[in-house]
Amino acid sequence: MIEPGGAYVPIGDTRLFIVERGRGDPILVLHGGPGLDHHMFGDYLDPLAEGYRLIFVDQRSQGKSDRAPEETWTIRQMAADVGALAESLNLVRYAVLGHSFGAMVALQHAVDYPNAAALSILSGGVPSAEYLKVVEENLRAFEPESLRATVTASWEREAEANTQEDVRSLLNDQMPYHFGDPLSPLIAEYTARTAGAVYAPDVLSHFARQEYGGIEVVDRLRDVAHPVLVLAGRKDRTASVEAAEAIAGGVPGAELVVLEDSGHMTFVEENERYLAVVNDFLQRGDLHAWKSR
């Protein structure tokens, strides 16, 4: 059964599943992971649907999207999929919002297709796999110590994930790492508000064995030709503020906003602040002038 607002969209060699909320100017929303789907955003971004057309995308071979050949499971192909999806939806111009792995796809899209998106919003992303090496260091120092072994093992299990339950279990064990406060009551709330996900364990294990796509665009950031907003959590143990600063420093005119009380899950931990910053950026980007064909 297709959920309300859901549809399959052909993009050439495959079909992507999307869910739309709201009306207005289009924002393509890319989930993290890899191996997750649009449910990871729950209803946390829904207030933006009061003024914009949110198009939540299950990326290639993930969620309810059709399966595509494994050789096409790359960040560059998923970045190309963004433009192909926009074309199939007859969008003249569009914004892209990506979080975590989705932010890397959005950044790759901005670099490879500098004039395609009108605006890009990147939260919790990195411009190079080098910046992900901080994860090992942060795992060794993770507190509380009582959770350290469980959290560390959850990262190791990503490369061996085989089933839906494998992904669900490791995410449950790993989630404290992604919140600034590992014991935050927001973790249980987030789990409840994001129920229903269709995981892709093979996509997760594929990327986990390959540096999560091995993104490397540091030397190409200057090619981005549209406004970019970079969001980072001060307490993020995965995508550091340093990584966000590298993106913002390399993209001409990019804006950087650091959410001081957040870890990796900025749109959850400081939801009102996150939405206010994103909405302000969209408004100043004159999205309301956009038209579809």
C-alpha atoms as a PDB file:
ATOM      1  CA  MET A   1       0.000   0.000   0.000  1.00  0.00           C
ATOM      2  CA  ILE A   2       1.339   3.411  -0.958  1.00  0.00           C
ATOM      3  CA  GLU A   3       1.150   5.894   1.900  1.00  0.00           C
ATOM      4  CA  PRO A   4      -0.717   9.188   1.422  1.00  0.00           C
ATOM      5  CA  GLY A   5       1.208  11.503  -0.859  1.00  0.00           C
ATOM      6  CA  GLY A   6       3.360   8.647  -2.115  1.00  0.00           C
ATOM      7  CA  ALA A   7       4.208   7.871  -5.721  1.00  0.00           C
ATOM      8  CA  TYR A   8       6.751   6.094  -7.902  1.00  0.00           C
ATOM      9  CA  VAL A   9       8.686   8.329 -10.298  1.00  0.00           C
ATOM     10  CA  PRO A  10      10.711   6.911 -13.241  1.00  0.00           C
ATOM     11  CA  ILE A  11      14.201   8.402 -13.549  1.00  0.00           C
ATOM     12  CA  GLY A  12      15.617   6.360 -16.410  1.00  0.00           C
ATOM     13  CA  ASP A  13      17.130   3.100 -15.209  1.00  0.00           C
ATOM     14  CA  THR A  14      14.948   2.841 -12.074  1.00  0.00           C
ATOM     15  CA  ARG A  15      12.073   4.373 -10.124  1.00  0.00           C
ATOM     16  CA  LEU A  16      12.291   6.391  -6.939  1.00  0.00           C
ATOM     17  CA  PHE A  17       9.556   6.417  -4.338  1.00  0.00           C
ATOM     18  CA  ILE A  18       8.603   9.855  -3.060  1.00  0.00           C
ATOM     19  CA  VAL A  19       6.195  11.237  -0.494  1.00  0.00           C
ATOM     20  CA  GLU A  20       4.927  14.799  -0.870  1.00  0.00           C
ATOM     21  CA  ARG A  21       3.659  17.111   1.837  1.00  0.00           C
ATOM     22  CA  GLY A  22       2.499  20.675   1.416  1.00  0.00           C
ATOM     23  CA  ARG A  23       2.103  22.956  -1.540  1.00  0.00           C
ATOM     24  CA  GLY A  24       4.295  25.646  -3.004  1.00  0.00           C
ATOM     25  CA  ASP A  25       7.874  25.780  -4.143  1.00  0.00           C
ATOM     26  CA  PRO A  26       9.677  22.420  -4.301  1.00  0.00           C
ATOM     27  CA  ILE A  27      12.274  21.122  -1.876  1.00  0.00           C
ATOM     28  CA  LEU A  28      13.763  17.688  -2.538  1.00  0.00           C
ATOM     29  CA  VAL A  29      14.525  16.115   0.859  1.00  0.00           C
ATOM     30  CA  LEU A  30      17.261  13.460   1.027  1.00  0.00           C
ATOM     31  CA  HIS A  31      17.469  11.049   3.952  1.00  0.00           C
ATOM     32  CA  GLY A  32      20.573   9.884   5.738  1.00  0.00           C
ATOM     33  CA  GLY A  33      21.913   6.408   6.213  1.00  0.00           C
ATOM     34  CA  PRO A  34      22.792   4.931   3.868  1.00  0.00           C
ATOM     35  CA  GLY A  35      20.168   2.201   3.951  1.00  0.00           C
ATOM     36  CA  LEU A  36      17.401   4.289   5.531  1.00  0.00           C
ATOM     37  CA  ASP A  37      14.396   5.962   3.937  1.00  0.00           C
ATOM     38  CA  HIS A  38      12.253   9.097   4.191  1.00  0.00           C
ATOM     39  CA  HIS A  39      10.810   7.993   7.536  1.00  0.00           C
ATOM     40  CA  MET A  40      14.016   9.140   9.224  1.00  0.00           C
ATOM     41  CA  PHE A  41      12.636  12.693   9.130  1.00  0.00           C
ATOM     42  CA  GLY A  42       9.366  11.663  10.777  1.00  0.00           C
ATOM     43  CA  ASP A  43       7.194  14.759  11.006  1.00  0.00           C
ATOM     44  CA  TYR A  44      10.014  17.011  12.183  1.00  0.00           C
ATOM     45  CA  LEU A  45      10.186  19.016   8.944  1.00  0.00           C
ATOM     46  CA  ASP A  46       6.422  19.171   8.406  1.00  0.00           C
ATOM     47  CA  PRO A  47       6.056  22.806   9.561  1.00  0.00           C
ATOM     48  CA  LEU A  48       7.932  23.774   6.383  1.00  0.00           C
ATOM     49  CA  ALA A  49       5.068  22.238   4.402  1.00  0.00           C
ATOM     50  CA  GLU A  50       2.942  25.226   5.379  1.00  0.00           C
ATOM     51  CA  GLY A  51       4.739  27.224   2.701  1.00  0.00           C
ATOM     52  CA  TYR A  52       6.668  24.727   0.587  1.00  0.00           C
ATOM     53  CA  ARG A  53       6.222  21.495  -1.343  1.00  0.00           C
ATOM     54  CA  LEU A  54       8.327  18.979   0.538  1.00  0.00           C
ATOM     55  CA  ILE A  55       9.286  16.022  -1.648  1.00  0.00           C
ATOM     56  CA  PHE A  56      10.748  13.292   0.564  1.00  0.00           C
ATOM     57  CA  VAL A  57      12.831  10.899  -1.513  1.00  0.00           C
ATOM     58  CA  ASP A  58      13.669   7.250  -0.920  1.00  0.00           C
ATOM     59  CA  GLN A  59      17.053   7.260  -2.611  1.00  0.00           C
ATOM     60  CA  ARG A  60      18.248   4.647  -5.100  1.00  0.00           C
ATOM     61  CA  SER A  61      17.534   1.061  -3.974  1.00  0.00           C
ATOM     62  CA  GLN A  62      16.424   2.271  -0.539  1.00  0.00           C
ATOM     63  CA  GLY A  63      13.061   2.387   1.174  1.00  0.00           C
ATOM     64  CA  LYS A  64      10.259   1.608  -1.263  1.00  0.00           C
ATOM     65  CA  SER A  65      12.251   2.671  -4.324  1.00  0.00           C
ATOM     66  CA  ASP A  66      12.821  -0.005  -6.967  1.00  0.00           C
ATOM     67  CA  ARG A  67      15.981  -2.046  -6.813  1.00  0.00           C
ATOM     68  CA  ALA A  68      18.782  -0.958  -9.134  1.00  0.00           C
ATOM     69  CA  PRO A  69      22.052  -2.765  -9.976  1.00  0.00           C
ATOM     70  CA  GLU A  70      24.609  -2.681  -7.156  1.00  0.00           C
ATOM     71  CA  GLU A  71      27.206  -1.081  -9.421  1.00  0.00           C
ATOM     72  CA  THR A  72      24.991   2.016  -9.474  1.00  0.00           C
ATOM     73  CA  TRP A  73      25.028   2.402  -5.698  1.00  0.00           C
ATOM     74  CA  THR A  74      27.350   5.402  -5.587  1.00  0.00           C
ATOM     75  CA  ILE A  75      27.094   8.924  -4.240  1.00  0.00           C
ATOM     76  CA  ARG A  76      27.707  10.327  -7.709  1.00  0.00           C
ATOM     77  CA  GLN A  77      24.859   8.297  -9.202  1.00  0.00           C
ATOM     78  CA  MET A  78      22.521   9.296  -6.395  1.00  0.00           C
ATOM     79  CA  ALA A  79      23.527  12.905  -6.986  1.00  0.00           C
ATOM     80  CA  ALA A  80      22.618  12.480 -10.656  1.00  0.00           C
ATOM     81  CA  ASP A  81      19.315  10.941  -9.555  1.00  0.00           C
ATOM     82  CA  VAL A  82      18.376  14.227  -7.892  1.00  0.00           C
ATOM     83  CA  GLY A  83      18.410  16.074 -11.198  1.00  0.00           C
ATOM     84  CA  ALA A  84      16.704  13.200 -13.003  1.00  0.00           C
ATOM     85  CA  LEU A  85      13.937  13.222 -10.414  1.00  0.00           C
ATOM     86  CA  ALA A  86      13.491  16.979 -10.753  1.00  0.00           C
ATOM     87  CA  GLU A  87      13.218  16.605 -14.513  1.00  0.00           C
ATOM     88  CA  SER A  88      10.649  13.815 -14.214  1.00  0.00           C
ATOM     89  CA  LEU A  89       8.619  15.999 -11.854  1.00  0.00           C
ATOM     90  CA  ASN A  90       8.827  18.921 -14.325  1.00  0.00           C
ATOM     91  CA  LEU A  91      10.578  21.197 -11.848  1.00  0.00           C
ATOM     92  CA  VAL A  92      12.206  24.167 -13.497  1.00  0.00           C
ATOM     93  CA  ARG A  93      14.159  24.965 -10.316  1.00  0.00           C
ATOM     94  CA  TYR A  94      14.241  23.411  -6.892  1.00  0.00           C
ATOM     95  CA  ALA A  95      15.951  23.400  -3.518  1.00  0.00           C
ATOM     96  CA  VAL A  96      17.670  20.352  -2.038  1.00  0.00           C
ATOM     97  CA  LEU A  97      17.805  19.569   1.682  1.00  0.00           C
ATOM     98  CA  GLY A  98      19.991  16.653   2.714  1.00  0.00           C
ATOM     99  CA  HIS A  99      20.914  15.350   6.141  1.00  0.00           C
ATOM    100  CA  SER A 100      23.970  13.208   6.981  1.00  0.00           C
ATOM    101  CA  PHE A 101      24.480  10.794   4.051  1.00  0.00           C
ATOM    102  CA  GLY A 102      21.779  12.793   2.266  1.00  0.00           C
ATOM    103  CA  ALA A 103      23.851  15.933   2.793  1.00  0.00           C
ATOM    104  CA  MET A 104      26.776  14.257   1.043  1.00  0.00           C
ATOM    105  CA  VAL A 105      24.538  13.367  -1.898  1.00  0.00           C
ATOM    106  CA  ALA A 106      23.200  16.929  -1.971  1.00  0.00           C
ATOM    107  CA  LEU A 107      26.738  18.341  -1.860  1.00  0.00           C
ATOM    108  CA  GLN A 108      27.875  16.032  -4.655  1.00  0.00           C
ATOM    109  CA  HIS A 109      24.877  17.197  -6.685  1.00  0.00           C
ATOM    110  CA  ALA A 110      25.785  20.831  -6.051  1.00  0.00           C
ATOM    111  CA  VAL A 111      29.363  20.211  -7.206  1.00  0.00           C
ATOM    112  CA  ASP A 112      28.577  18.053 -10.233  1.00  0.00           C
ATOM    113  CA  TYR A 113      25.633  20.169 -11.393  1.00  0.00           C
ATOM    114  CA  PRO A 114      26.432  23.696 -10.177  1.00  0.00           C
ATOM    115  CA  ASN A 115      23.436  25.417 -11.761  1.00  0.00           C
ATOM    116  CA  ALA A 116      20.805  22.696 -11.311  1.00  0.00           C
ATOM    117  CA  ALA A 117      19.502  23.394  -7.809  1.00  0.00           C
ATOM    118  CA  ALA A 118      18.658  26.957  -6.872  1.00  0.00           C
ATOM    119  CA  LEU A 119      19.510  26.401  -3.195  1.00  0.00           C
ATOM    120  CA  SER A 120      21.141  23.617  -1.184  1.00  0.00           C
ATOM    121  CA  ILE A 121      20.745  22.975   2.543  1.00  0.00           C
ATOM    122  CA  LEU A 122      23.308  20.597   4.033  1.00  0.00           C
ATOM    123  CA  SER A 123      23.020  19.403   7.621  1.00  0.00           C
ATOM    124  CA  GLY A 124      25.427  17.005   9.256  1.00  0.00           C
ATOM    125  CA  GLY A 125      27.479  16.402   6.110  1.00  0.00           C
ATOM    126  CA  VAL A 126      31.164  16.144   5.203  1.00  0.00           C
ATOM    127  CA  PRO A 127      33.087  17.088   2.027  1.00  0.00           C
ATOM    128  CA  SER A 128      35.615  14.251   2.318  1.00  0.00           C
ATOM    129  CA  ALA A 129      35.731  10.773   3.854  1.00  0.00           C
ATOM    130  CA  GLU A 130      38.773  12.012   5.771  1.00  0.00           C
ATOM    131  CA  TYR A 131      36.436  13.877   8.108  1.00  0.00           C
ATOM    132  CA  LEU A 132      34.693  10.618   9.073  1.00  0.00           C
ATOM    133  CA  LYS A 133      37.870   9.322  10.710  1.00  0.00           C
ATOM    134  CA  VAL A 134      36.887  11.305  13.782  1.00  0.00           C
ATOM    135  CA  VAL A 135      34.254   8.635  14.477  1.00  0.00           C
ATOM    136  CA  GLU A 136      36.871   6.135  15.689  1.00  0.00           C
ATOM    137  CA  GLU A 137      38.412   8.678  18.018  1.00  0.00           C
ATOM    138  CA  ASN A 138      35.031   9.718  19.400  1.00  0.00           C
ATOM    139  CA  LEU A 139      33.978   6.112  19.944  1.00  0.00           C
ATOM    140  CA  ARG A 140      37.061   5.499  22.079  1.00  0.00           C
ATOM    141  CA  ALA A 141      36.139   8.470  24.256  1.00  0.00           C
ATOM    142  CA  PHE A 142      32.351   8.038  24.213  1.00  0.00           C
ATOM    143  CA  GLU A 143      30.517   8.644  27.472  1.00  0.00           C
ATOM    144  CA  PRO A 144      28.795   7.229  29.392  1.00  0.00           C
ATOM    145  CA  GLU A 145      31.290   4.400  29.443  1.00  0.00           C
ATOM    146  CA  SER A 146      28.482   1.931  30.185  1.00  0.00           C
ATOM    147  CA  LEU A 147      27.211   2.435  26.617  1.00  0.00           C
ATOM    148  CA  ARG A 148      30.584   2.582  24.876  1.00  0.00           C
ATOM    149  CA  ALA A 149      30.923  -1.087  23.953  1.00  0.00           C
ATOM    150  CA  THR A 150      27.344  -1.320  22.673  1.00  0.00           C
ATOM    151  CA  VAL A 151      27.626   1.823  20.588  1.00  0.00           C
ATOM    152  CA  THR A 152      31.006   0.796  19.168  1.00  0.00           C
ATOM    153  CA  ALA A 153      29.694  -2.636  18.211  1.00  0.00           C
ATOM    154  CA  SER A 154      26.743  -1.027  16.419  1.00  0.00           C
ATOM    155  CA  TRP A 155      29.113   0.722  14.003  1.00  0.00           C
ATOM    156  CA  GLU A 156      31.021  -2.504  13.385  1.00  0.00           C
ATOM    157  CA  ARG A 157      27.767  -4.347  12.598  1.00  0.00           C
ATOM    158  CA  GLU A 158      26.901  -1.986   9.744  1.00  0.00           C
ATOM    159  CA  ALA A 159      29.233  -3.795   7.335  1.00  0.00           C
ATOM    160  CA  GLU A 160      27.547  -7.130   8.127  1.00  0.00           C
ATOM    161  CA  ALA A 161      23.880  -6.066   8.075  1.00  0.00           C
ATOM    162  CA  ASN A 162      21.684  -8.604   6.277  1.00  0.00           C
ATOM    163  CA  THR A 163      18.116  -8.069   7.453  1.00  0.00           C
ATOM    164  CA  GLN A 164      15.655  -5.357   8.376  1.00  0.00           C
ATOM    165  CA  GLU A 165      16.026  -6.389  12.000  1.00  0.00           C
ATOM    166  CA  ASP A 166      19.818  -6.097  11.770  1.00  0.00           C
ATOM    167  CA  VAL A 167      19.499  -2.444  10.767  1.00  0.00           C
ATOM    168  CA  ARG A 168      16.755  -1.698  13.288  1.00  0.00           C
ATOM    169  CA  SER A 169      18.803  -3.224  16.098  1.00  0.00           C
ATOM    170  CA  LEU A 170      22.082  -1.492  15.302  1.00  0.00           C
ATOM    171  CA  LEU A 171      20.335   1.857  14.877  1.00  0.00           C
ATOM    172  CA  ASN A 172      18.703   1.433  18.276  1.00  0.00           C
ATOM    173  CA  ASP A 173      22.101   0.727  19.842  1.00  0.00           C
ATOM    174  CA  GLN A 174      23.838   3.531  17.946  1.00  0.00           C
ATOM    175  CA  MET A 175      21.340   6.315  18.468  1.00  0.00           C
ATOM    176  CA  PRO A 176      22.800   7.620  21.784  1.00  0.00           C
ATOM    177  CA  TYR A 177      25.999   8.387  19.868  1.00  0.00           C
ATOM    178  CA  HIS A 178      24.130  10.673  17.487  1.00  0.00           C
ATOM    179  CA  PHE A 179      22.520  12.858  20.145  1.00  0.00           C
ATOM    180  CA  GLY A 180      24.478  15.495  22.008  1.00  0.00           C
ATOM    181  CA  ASP A 181      23.052  14.057  25.225  1.00  0.00           C
ATOM    182  CA  PRO A 182      23.348  10.253  24.923  1.00  0.00           C
ATOM    183  CA  LEU A 183      20.622   9.845  27.566  1.00  0.00           C
ATOM    184  CA  SER A 184      18.222  12.368  26.063  1.00  0.00           C
ATOM    185  CA  PRO A 185      14.496  11.554  26.288  1.00  0.00           C
ATOM    186  CA  LEU A 186      14.324  12.841  22.713  1.00  0.00           C
ATOM    187  CA  ILE A 187      15.806   9.516  21.560  1.00  0.00           C
ATOM    188  CA  ALA A 188      12.721   7.511  22.527  1.00  0.00           C
ATOM    189  CA  GLU A 189      10.482  10.214  21.091  1.00  0.00           C
ATOM    190  CA  TYR A 190      12.414  10.175  17.828  1.00  0.00           C
ATOM    191  CA  THR A 191      12.107   6.402  17.552  1.00  0.00           C
ATOM    192  CA  ALA A 192       8.340   6.630  17.971  1.00  0.00           C
ATOM    193  CA  ARG A 193       7.931   9.476  15.485  1.00  0.00           C
ATOM    194  CA  THR A 194       9.972   7.737  12.771  1.00  0.00           C
ATOM    195  CA  ALA A 195       8.340   4.310  12.839  1.00  0.00           C
ATOM    196  CA  GLY A 196       7.544   2.527   9.583  1.00  0.00           C
ATOM    197  CA  ALA A 197      10.925   2.671   7.863  1.00  0.00           C
ATOM    198  CA  VAL A 198      11.840   0.162   5.183  1.00  0.00           C
ATOM    199  CA  TYR A 199      15.551  -0.473   5.580  1.00  0.00           C
ATOM    200  CA  ALA A 200      18.030  -1.578   2.904  1.00  0.00           C
ATOM    201  CA  PRO A 201      20.638  -3.630   4.811  1.00  0.00           C
ATOM    202  CA  ASP A 202      22.569  -4.490   1.655  1.00  0.00           C
ATOM    203  CA  VAL A 203      22.918  -0.815   0.742  1.00  0.00           C
ATOM    204  CA  LEU A 204      24.102  -0.014   4.270  1.00  0.00           C
ATOM    205  CA  SER A 205      26.693  -2.800   4.283  1.00  0.00           C
ATOM    206  CA  HIS A 206      27.815  -1.874   0.754  1.00  0.00           C
ATOM    207  CA  PHE A 207      28.633   1.694   1.779  1.00  0.00           C
ATOM    208  CA  ALA A 208      29.971   0.761   5.227  1.00  0.00           C
ATOM    209  CA  ARG A 209      32.667  -1.287   3.509  1.00  0.00           C
ATOM    210  CA  GLN A 210      33.576   1.645   1.234  1.00  0.00           C
ATOM    211  CA  GLU A 211      34.015   4.652   3.532  1.00  0.00           C
ATOM    212  CA  TYR A 212      30.325   5.489   3.125  1.00  0.00           C
ATOM    213  CA  GLY A 213      30.789   6.393  -0.506  1.00  0.00           C
ATOM    214  CA  GLY A 214      34.210   7.948  -0.202  1.00  0.00           C
ATOM    215  CA  ILE A 215      33.037  11.462  -0.988  1.00  0.00           C
ATOM    216  CA  GLU A 216      35.892  13.759  -2.028  1.00  0.00           C
ATOM    217  CA  VAL A 217      34.848  17.207  -3.232  1.00  0.00           C
ATOM    218  CA  VAL A 218      37.008  19.549  -1.154  1.00  0.00           C
ATOM    219  CA  ASP A 219      38.907  20.777  -4.225  1.00  0.00           C
ATOM    220  CA  ARG A 220      35.694  21.311  -6.198  1.00  0.00           C
ATOM    221  CA  LEU A 221      33.617  23.293  -3.700  1.00  0.00           C
ATOM    222  CA  ARG A 222      34.454  26.539  -5.463  1.00  0.00           C
ATOM    223  CA  ASP A 223      32.486  25.245  -8.469  1.00  0.00           C
ATOM    224  CA  VAL A 224      29.153  25.458  -6.650  1.00  0.00           C
ATOM    225  CA  ALA A 225      27.236  28.314  -8.244  1.00  0.00           C
ATOM    226  CA  HIS A 226      24.177  28.690  -6.010  1.00  0.00           C
ATOM    227  CA  PRO A 227      23.522  29.674  -2.374  1.00  0.00           C
ATOM    228  CA  VAL A 228      24.293  27.000   0.208  1.00  0.00           C
ATOM    229  CA  LEU A 229      23.325  26.769   3.875  1.00  0.00           C
ATOM    230  CA  VAL A 230      25.465  24.503   6.059  1.00  0.00           C
ATOM    231  CA  LEU A 231      24.075  23.336   9.408  1.00  0.00           C
ATOM    232  CA  ALA A 232      26.144  21.618  12.078  1.00  0.00           C
ATOM    233  CA  GLY A 233      25.707  20.463  15.648  1.00  0.00           C
ATOM    234  CA  ARG A 234      28.385  21.638  18.044  1.00  0.00           C
ATOM    235  CA  LYS A 235      28.350  18.223  19.762  1.00  0.00           C
ATOM    236  CA  ASP A 236      28.214  16.145  16.565  1.00  0.00           C
ATOM    237  CA  ARG A 237      30.526  13.123  16.917  1.00  0.00           C
ATOM    238  CA  THR A 238      30.124  12.040  13.267  1.00  0.00           C
ATOM    239  CA  ALA A 239      30.103  15.131  11.052  1.00  0.00           C
ATOM    240  CA  SER A 240      32.194  17.638  12.955  1.00  0.00           C
ATOM    241  CA  VAL A 241      31.925  21.405  12.958  1.00  0.00           C
ATOM    242  CA  GLU A 242      35.354  21.334  11.298  1.00  0.00           C
ATOM    243  CA  ALA A 243      33.823  19.445   8.352  1.00  0.00           C
ATOM    244  CA  ALA A 244      30.998  21.966   8.135  1.00  0.00           C
ATOM    245  CA  GLU A 245      33.504  24.819   8.211  1.00  0.00           C
ATOM    246  CA  ALA A 246      35.411  23.197   5.348  1.00  0.00           C
ATOM    247  CA  ILE A 247      32.234  23.117   3.239  1.00  0.00           C
ATOM    248  CA  ALA A 248      31.207  26.658   4.114  1.00  0.00           C
ATOM    249  CA  GLY A 249      34.730  27.940   3.592  1.00  0.00           C
ATOM    250  CA  GLY A 250      35.028  26.332   0.182  1.00  0.00           C
ATOM    251  CA  VAL A 251      31.653  27.151  -1.332  1.00  0.00           C
ATOM    252  CA  PRO A 252      31.502  30.794  -2.483  1.00  0.00           C
ATOM    253  CA  GLY A 253      29.155  32.775  -0.258  1.00  0.00           C
ATOM    254  CA  ALA A 254      27.989  29.768   1.771  1.00  0.00           C
ATOM    255  CA  GLU A 255      26.376  30.358   5.150  1.00  0.00           C
ATOM    256  CA  LEU A 256      27.260  28.316   8.234  1.00  0.00           C
ATOM    257  CA  VAL A 257      25.011  27.963  11.274  1.00  0.00           C
ATOM    258  CA  VAL A 258      26.166  25.920  14.270  1.00  0.00           C
ATOM    259  CA  LEU A 259      23.462  24.637  16.608  1.00  0.00           C
ATOM    260  CA  GLU A 260      25.156  24.797  19.969  1.00  0.00           C
ATOM    261  CA  ASP A 261      23.040  22.255  21.852  1.00  0.00           C
ATOM    262  CA  SER A 262      22.897  19.532  19.189  1.00  0.00           C
ATOM    263  CA  GLY A 263      24.769  16.436  18.188  1.00  0.00           C
ATOM    264  CA  HIS A 264      24.219  14.843  14.782  1.00  0.00           C
ATOM    265  CA  MET A 265      20.415  14.985  14.958  1.00  0.00           C
ATOM    266  CA  THR A 266      20.083  18.744  14.678  1.00  0.00           C
ATOM    267  CA  PHE A 267      16.584  18.726  13.192  1.00  0.00           C
ATOM    268  CA  VAL A 268      15.393  16.777  16.245  1.00  0.00           C
ATOM    269  CA  GLU A 269      17.461  18.219  19.087  1.00  0.00           C
ATOM    270  CA  GLU A 270      16.862  21.883  18.219  1.00  0.00           C
ATOM    271  CA  ASN A 271      13.864  21.508  15.981  1.00  0.00           C
ATOM    272  CA  GLU A 272      12.489  25.049  16.298  1.00  0.00           C
ATOM    273  CA  ARG A 273      15.880  26.642  15.722  1.00  0.00           C
ATOM    274  CA  TYR A 274      16.619  24.330  12.792  1.00  0.00           C
ATOM    275  CA  LEU A 275      13.316  25.120  11.102  1.00  0.00           C
ATOM    276  CA  ALA A 276      13.681  28.856  11.710  1.00  0.00           C
ATOM    277  CA  VAL A 277      17.165  28.936  10.156  1.00  0.00           C
ATOM    278  CA  VAL A 278      16.084  26.853   7.159  1.00  0.00           C
ATOM    279  CA  ASN A 279      12.939  28.900   6.606  1.00  0.00           C
ATOM    280  CA  ASP A 280      14.886  32.160   6.794  1.00  0.00           C
ATOM    281  CA  PHE A 281      17.384  30.872   4.224  1.00  0.00           C
ATOM    282  CA  LEU A 282      14.585  29.768   1.901  1.00  0.00           C
ATOM    283  CA  GLN A 283      12.803  33.088   2.222  1.00  0.00           C
ATOM    284  CA  ARG A 284      15.932  35.071   1.468  1.00  0.00           C
ATOM    285  CA  GLY A 285      16.589  32.766  -1.470  1.00  0.00           C
ATOM    286  CA  ASP A 286      13.344  34.013  -3.035  1.00  0.00           C
ATOM    287  CA  LEU A 287      11.872  30.548  -3.451  1.00  0.00           C
ATOM    288  CA  HIS A 288       8.424  32.054  -3.827  1.00  0.00           C
ATOM    289  CA  ALA A 289       9.429  33.294  -7.257  1.00  0.00           C
ATOM    290  CA  TRP A 290       9.952  29.761  -8.528  1.00  0.00           C
ATOM    291  CA  LYS A 291       7.586  28.158 -11.006  1.00  0.00           C
ATOM    292  CA  SER A 292       7.096  24.648 -12.344  1.00  0.00           C
ATOM    293  CA  ARG A 293       6.803  23.981 -16.048  1.00  0.00           C
END
